[in-house]
Amino acid sequence: MDRILPGSIIIVGVIGLLILMVLGWRARGRRQSALSTSAVPADELLGELRVAVTGLYVSTTTAGAPLDRVTLPGLGFRGRAAVSVFDAGVLIAVTGEPQVFVAADRIRSVGTSTWTIDRVVEEGGLVRLDWILESESPTPSADVESFFRIESPEQSSRLIEAITVLTPSQGPANPDQEGSLA
């Protein structure tokens, strides 16, 4: 009998924490409800396939706020992914999630990174895509960063080169070498 009360308190505490986590995720979703991803264009509008790689989609976070995960469909959860670069932009297909299309005019830069919200890897082990998330309301669009762990360094290089061609500045960016918190 003397173990029932402490055990019950711990179980109630764990259930309470899980409920708070779910409520927090839903609140984050409501705060980001004005943001949206582009519709995936028809195959004939995508243009030529430049490169397609597979790997792990890690996360999409608000630029400058590496712990502020974006919860939109297709971007909220980590998973296996295929990243394809076309003339019109980048197509992100996370297993079990809706595809996300990043139009070429929304891409800000591409580079490498060493860490993100819940992943730390070797120097330059993550491919980071900086882009602008659309807004459906008067609130401004959001600058976001998507992170991918690609299966091989050669594929990472090919992906970065293909996306670099689409960027306005025509150059990769690497915040790890620009004084970020890595």
C-alpha atoms as a PDB file:
ATOM      1  CA  MET A   1       0.000   0.000   0.000  1.00  0.00           C
ATOM      2  CA  ASP A   2       2.847   2.378   0.732  1.00  0.00           C
ATOM      3  CA  ARG A   3       3.953   2.255  -2.955  1.00  0.00           C
ATOM      4  CA  ILE A   4       0.544   2.930  -4.497  1.00  0.00           C
ATOM      5  CA  LEU A   5       0.407   6.641  -3.638  1.00  0.00           C
ATOM      6  CA  PRO A   6       3.893   7.557  -4.981  1.00  0.00           C
ATOM      7  CA  GLY A   7       3.314   5.401  -8.072  1.00  0.00           C
ATOM      8  CA  SER A   8      -0.039   7.061  -8.703  1.00  0.00           C
ATOM      9  CA  ILE A   9       1.507  10.520  -8.338  1.00  0.00           C
ATOM     10  CA  ILE A  10       4.209   9.665 -10.891  1.00  0.00           C
ATOM     11  CA  ILE A  11       1.664   8.247 -13.364  1.00  0.00           C
ATOM     12  CA  VAL A  12      -0.574  11.326 -13.015  1.00  0.00           C
ATOM     13  CA  GLY A  13       2.495  13.561 -13.486  1.00  0.00           C
ATOM     14  CA  VAL A  14       3.561  11.748 -16.676  1.00  0.00           C
ATOM     15  CA  ILE A  15       0.034  11.883 -18.104  1.00  0.00           C
ATOM     16  CA  GLY A  16      -0.114  15.602 -17.227  1.00  0.00           C
ATOM     17  CA  LEU A  17       3.174  16.233 -19.081  1.00  0.00           C
ATOM     18  CA  LEU A  18       1.927  14.364 -22.146  1.00  0.00           C
ATOM     19  CA  ILE A  19      -1.269  16.434 -22.167  1.00  0.00           C
ATOM     20  CA  LEU A  20       0.769  19.651 -21.907  1.00  0.00           C
ATOM     21  CA  MET A  21       2.966  18.521 -24.816  1.00  0.00           C
ATOM     22  CA  VAL A  22      -0.064  17.882 -27.024  1.00  0.00           C
ATOM     23  CA  LEU A  23      -1.597  21.243 -26.075  1.00  0.00           C
ATOM     24  CA  GLY A  24       1.717  22.981 -26.835  1.00  0.00           C
ATOM     25  CA  TRP A  25       1.945  21.331 -30.277  1.00  0.00           C
ATOM     26  CA  ARG A  26      -1.616  22.385 -31.088  1.00  0.00           C
ATOM     27  CA  ALA A  27      -0.952  25.956 -29.927  1.00  0.00           C
ATOM     28  CA  ARG A  28       2.143  26.103 -32.154  1.00  0.00           C
ATOM     29  CA  GLY A  29      -0.010  24.907 -35.056  1.00  0.00           C
ATOM     30  CA  ARG A  30      -2.571  27.660 -34.406  1.00  0.00           C
ATOM     31  CA  ARG A  31       0.172  30.313 -34.277  1.00  0.00           C
ATOM     32  CA  GLN A  32       1.486  29.106 -37.635  1.00  0.00           C
ATOM     33  CA  SER A  33      -1.938  28.630 -39.234  1.00  0.00           C
ATOM     34  CA  ALA A  34      -1.518  31.704 -41.478  1.00  0.00           C
ATOM     35  CA  LEU A  35       1.569  30.142 -43.079  1.00  0.00           C
ATOM     36  CA  SER A  36       1.283  27.724 -45.978  1.00  0.00           C
ATOM     37  CA  THR A  37       3.373  25.799 -48.443  1.00  0.00           C
ATOM     38  CA  SER A  38       3.032  26.074 -52.208  1.00  0.00           C
ATOM     39  CA  ALA A  39       0.896  23.607 -54.086  1.00  0.00           C
ATOM     40  CA  VAL A  40       2.929  21.043 -55.992  1.00  0.00           C
ATOM     41  CA  PRO A  41       2.746  22.045 -59.669  1.00  0.00           C
ATOM     42  CA  ALA A  42       1.854  19.597 -62.409  1.00  0.00           C
ATOM     43  CA  ASP A  43       4.739  17.496 -63.736  1.00  0.00           C
ATOM     44  CA  GLU A  44       4.972  19.491 -66.964  1.00  0.00           C
ATOM     45  CA  LEU A  45       5.383  22.735 -64.979  1.00  0.00           C
ATOM     46  CA  LEU A  46       8.215  21.406 -62.799  1.00  0.00           C
ATOM     47  CA  GLY A  47      10.666  21.392 -65.676  1.00  0.00           C
ATOM     48  CA  GLU A  48      13.723  19.187 -65.955  1.00  0.00           C
ATOM     49  CA  LEU A  49      14.835  17.076 -62.996  1.00  0.00           C
ATOM     50  CA  ARG A  50      18.311  18.283 -62.013  1.00  0.00           C
ATOM     51  CA  VAL A  51      19.005  15.920 -59.118  1.00  0.00           C
ATOM     52  CA  ALA A  52      17.115  13.568 -56.781  1.00  0.00           C
ATOM     53  CA  VAL A  53      18.568  12.313 -53.506  1.00  0.00           C
ATOM     54  CA  THR A  54      17.287  10.383 -50.518  1.00  0.00           C
ATOM     55  CA  GLY A  55      18.028  10.731 -46.850  1.00  0.00           C
ATOM     56  CA  LEU A  56      16.500  11.866 -43.592  1.00  0.00           C
ATOM     57  CA  TYR A  57      14.369  14.988 -43.324  1.00  0.00           C
ATOM     58  CA  VAL A  58      15.313  16.377 -39.910  1.00  0.00           C
ATOM     59  CA  SER A  59      13.284  19.551 -39.376  1.00  0.00           C
ATOM     60  CA  THR A  60      12.167  22.950 -40.579  1.00  0.00           C
ATOM     61  CA  THR A  61      12.623  25.808 -38.139  1.00  0.00           C
ATOM     62  CA  THR A  62      12.097  29.543 -38.208  1.00  0.00           C
ATOM     63  CA  ALA A  63      15.288  31.265 -39.401  1.00  0.00           C
ATOM     64  CA  GLY A  64      17.241  32.611 -36.464  1.00  0.00           C
ATOM     65  CA  ALA A  65      15.169  30.595 -33.982  1.00  0.00           C
ATOM     66  CA  PRO A  66      16.620  27.080 -34.151  1.00  0.00           C
ATOM     67  CA  LEU A  67      14.212  25.673 -31.541  1.00  0.00           C
ATOM     68  CA  ASP A  68      11.026  26.988 -33.201  1.00  0.00           C
ATOM     69  CA  ARG A  69       9.901  24.000 -35.278  1.00  0.00           C
ATOM     70  CA  VAL A  70       7.435  24.575 -38.139  1.00  0.00           C
ATOM     71  CA  THR A  71       4.399  22.300 -37.759  1.00  0.00           C
ATOM     72  CA  LEU A  72       2.822  22.561 -41.217  1.00  0.00           C
ATOM     73  CA  PRO A  73       1.781  19.329 -42.972  1.00  0.00           C
ATOM     74  CA  GLY A  74       4.816  17.799 -44.638  1.00  0.00           C
ATOM     75  CA  LEU A  75       7.251  19.741 -42.446  1.00  0.00           C
ATOM     76  CA  GLY A  76       6.277  18.919 -38.865  1.00  0.00           C
ATOM     77  CA  PHE A  77       7.791  15.479 -38.385  1.00  0.00           C
ATOM     78  CA  ARG A  78      11.136  13.845 -39.062  1.00  0.00           C
ATOM     79  CA  GLY A  79      11.232  10.968 -41.541  1.00  0.00           C
ATOM     80  CA  ARG A  80      12.808   9.345 -44.575  1.00  0.00           C
ATOM     81  CA  ALA A  81      12.637  11.719 -47.513  1.00  0.00           C
ATOM     82  CA  ALA A  82      13.358  12.199 -51.170  1.00  0.00           C
ATOM     83  CA  VAL A  83      14.547  15.660 -52.178  1.00  0.00           C
ATOM     84  CA  SER A  84      14.240  16.466 -55.878  1.00  0.00           C
ATOM     85  CA  VAL A  85      15.486  19.622 -57.567  1.00  0.00           C
ATOM     86  CA  PHE A  86      13.664  20.748 -60.699  1.00  0.00           C
ATOM     87  CA  ASP A  87      13.957  23.875 -62.850  1.00  0.00           C
ATOM     88  CA  ALA A  88      10.913  25.293 -61.008  1.00  0.00           C
ATOM     89  CA  GLY A  89      12.123  24.556 -57.463  1.00  0.00           C
ATOM     90  CA  VAL A  90      12.669  21.877 -54.834  1.00  0.00           C
ATOM     91  CA  LEU A  91      10.237  19.057 -54.031  1.00  0.00           C
ATOM     92  CA  ILE A  92      10.438  17.556 -50.527  1.00  0.00           C
ATOM     93  CA  ALA A  93       8.660  14.215 -50.120  1.00  0.00           C
ATOM     94  CA  VAL A  94       8.759  12.919 -46.536  1.00  0.00           C
ATOM     95  CA  THR A  95       7.427   9.359 -46.209  1.00  0.00           C
ATOM     96  CA  GLY A  96       3.831   9.407 -44.965  1.00  0.00           C
ATOM     97  CA  GLU A  97       3.478  13.189 -45.275  1.00  0.00           C
ATOM     98  CA  PRO A  98       2.142  15.480 -48.028  1.00  0.00           C
ATOM     99  CA  GLN A  99       4.771  16.680 -50.489  1.00  0.00           C
ATOM    100  CA  VAL A 100       6.114  20.193 -50.042  1.00  0.00           C
ATOM    101  CA  PHE A 101       7.179  22.322 -52.996  1.00  0.00           C
ATOM    102  CA  VAL A 102       9.603  25.218 -52.585  1.00  0.00           C
ATOM    103  CA  ALA A 103       9.438  27.456 -55.661  1.00  0.00           C
ATOM    104  CA  ALA A 104      12.776  28.690 -56.984  1.00  0.00           C
ATOM    105  CA  ASP A 105      11.832  32.320 -56.295  1.00  0.00           C
ATOM    106  CA  ARG A 106      11.314  31.460 -52.598  1.00  0.00           C
ATOM    107  CA  ILE A 107      14.779  29.955 -52.085  1.00  0.00           C
ATOM    108  CA  ARG A 108      17.183  32.282 -50.237  1.00  0.00           C
ATOM    109  CA  SER A 109      20.287  30.108 -49.975  1.00  0.00           C
ATOM    110  CA  VAL A 110      21.598  26.600 -49.449  1.00  0.00           C
ATOM    111  CA  GLY A 111      24.544  25.346 -47.456  1.00  0.00           C
ATOM    112  CA  THR A 112      25.614  22.996 -44.723  1.00  0.00           C
ATOM    113  CA  SER A 113      25.123  22.944 -41.004  1.00  0.00           C
ATOM    114  CA  THR A 114      26.265  20.913 -38.038  1.00  0.00           C
ATOM    115  CA  TRP A 115      23.184  21.043 -35.793  1.00  0.00           C
ATOM    116  CA  THR A 116      19.475  21.758 -35.617  1.00  0.00           C
ATOM    117  CA  ILE A 117      16.651  21.323 -33.122  1.00  0.00           C
ATOM    118  CA  ASP A 118      17.326  17.683 -32.199  1.00  0.00           C
ATOM    119  CA  ARG A 119      20.272  16.599 -34.295  1.00  0.00           C
ATOM    120  CA  VAL A 120      24.017  17.198 -34.021  1.00  0.00           C
ATOM    121  CA  VAL A 121      26.326  15.677 -36.626  1.00  0.00           C
ATOM    122  CA  GLU A 122      29.855  16.059 -37.944  1.00  0.00           C
ATOM    123  CA  GLU A 123      30.972  19.352 -39.473  1.00  0.00           C
ATOM    124  CA  GLY A 124      28.759  20.086 -42.488  1.00  0.00           C
ATOM    125  CA  GLY A 125      26.770  16.850 -42.080  1.00  0.00           C
ATOM    126  CA  LEU A 126      23.382  18.482 -42.663  1.00  0.00           C
ATOM    127  CA  VAL A 127      22.204  20.189 -45.834  1.00  0.00           C
ATOM    128  CA  ARG A 128      20.359  23.399 -44.929  1.00  0.00           C
ATOM    129  CA  LEU A 129      17.833  24.970 -47.306  1.00  0.00           C
ATOM    130  CA  ASP A 130      16.894  28.566 -46.446  1.00  0.00           C
ATOM    131  CA  TRP A 131      13.586  29.612 -47.961  1.00  0.00           C
ATOM    132  CA  ILE A 132      10.523  31.804 -47.528  1.00  0.00           C
ATOM    133  CA  LEU A 133       7.273  30.261 -46.318  1.00  0.00           C
ATOM    134  CA  GLU A 134       4.157  31.889 -47.774  1.00  0.00           C
ATOM    135  CA  SER A 135       1.515  33.626 -45.684  1.00  0.00           C
ATOM    136  CA  GLU A 136      -2.221  33.542 -46.379  1.00  0.00           C
ATOM    137  CA  SER A 137      -2.994  36.615 -44.301  1.00  0.00           C
ATOM    138  CA  PRO A 138      -1.700  40.150 -43.819  1.00  0.00           C
ATOM    139  CA  THR A 139       1.028  38.774 -41.534  1.00  0.00           C
ATOM    140  CA  PRO A 140       4.420  38.693 -43.225  1.00  0.00           C
ATOM    141  CA  SER A 141       5.891  35.580 -44.760  1.00  0.00           C
ATOM    142  CA  ALA A 142       8.349  33.628 -42.620  1.00  0.00           C
ATOM    143  CA  ASP A 143      11.993  32.872 -43.350  1.00  0.00           C
ATOM    144  CA  VAL A 144      12.609  29.211 -42.532  1.00  0.00           C
ATOM    145  CA  GLU A 145      15.450  26.701 -42.649  1.00  0.00           C
ATOM    146  CA  SER A 146      14.945  23.050 -43.608  1.00  0.00           C
ATOM    147  CA  PHE A 147      17.564  20.474 -42.647  1.00  0.00           C
ATOM    148  CA  PHE A 148      18.342  17.163 -44.349  1.00  0.00           C
ATOM    149  CA  ARG A 149      20.760  14.367 -43.503  1.00  0.00           C
ATOM    150  CA  ILE A 150      21.648  13.011 -46.947  1.00  0.00           C
ATOM    151  CA  GLU A 151      22.945   9.446 -47.289  1.00  0.00           C
ATOM    152  CA  SER A 152      26.354  10.271 -48.759  1.00  0.00           C
ATOM    153  CA  PRO A 153      28.609  13.342 -48.993  1.00  0.00           C
ATOM    154  CA  GLU A 154      28.629  13.062 -52.804  1.00  0.00           C
ATOM    155  CA  GLN A 155      24.839  13.281 -52.892  1.00  0.00           C
ATOM    156  CA  SER A 156      24.935  16.242 -50.487  1.00  0.00           C
ATOM    157  CA  SER A 157      27.345  18.051 -52.795  1.00  0.00           C
ATOM    158  CA  ARG A 158      25.203  17.334 -55.850  1.00  0.00           C
ATOM    159  CA  LEU A 159      22.087  18.574 -54.027  1.00  0.00           C
ATOM    160  CA  ILE A 160      23.781  21.791 -52.890  1.00  0.00           C
ATOM    161  CA  GLU A 161      25.144  22.470 -56.390  1.00  0.00           C
ATOM    162  CA  ALA A 162      21.725  21.932 -58.006  1.00  0.00           C
ATOM    163  CA  ILE A 163      19.932  24.218 -55.527  1.00  0.00           C
ATOM    164  CA  THR A 164      22.681  26.860 -55.731  1.00  0.00           C
ATOM    165  CA  VAL A 165      21.844  27.331 -59.408  1.00  0.00           C
ATOM    166  CA  LEU A 166      18.274  28.242 -58.373  1.00  0.00           C
ATOM    167  CA  THR A 167      19.255  30.769 -55.666  1.00  0.00           C
ATOM    168  CA  PRO A 168      19.247  34.478 -56.412  1.00  0.00           C
ATOM    169  CA  SER A 169      22.747  35.002 -55.026  1.00  0.00           C
ATOM    170  CA  GLN A 170      24.143  31.956 -56.875  1.00  0.00           C
ATOM    171  CA  GLY A 171      26.242  30.996 -53.868  1.00  0.00           C
ATOM    172  CA  PRO A 172      26.076  28.541 -50.983  1.00  0.00           C
ATOM    173  CA  ALA A 173      25.847  29.830 -47.440  1.00  0.00           C
ATOM    174  CA  ASN A 174      27.351  28.112 -44.420  1.00  0.00           C
ATOM    175  CA  PRO A 175      26.313  29.581 -41.063  1.00  0.00           C
ATOM    176  CA  ASP A 176      28.690  27.236 -39.255  1.00  0.00           C
ATOM    177  CA  GLN A 177      31.549  29.283 -40.665  1.00  0.00           C
ATOM    178  CA  GLU A 178      29.761  32.608 -40.214  1.00  0.00           C
ATOM    179  CA  GLY A 179      29.744  32.550 -36.430  1.00  0.00           C
ATOM    180  CA  SER A 180      26.558  30.644 -35.624  1.00  0.00           C
ATOM    181  CA  LEU A 181      26.067  28.720 -32.397  1.00  0.00           C
ATOM    182  CA  ALA A 182      27.492  25.475 -33.811  1.00  0.00           C
END
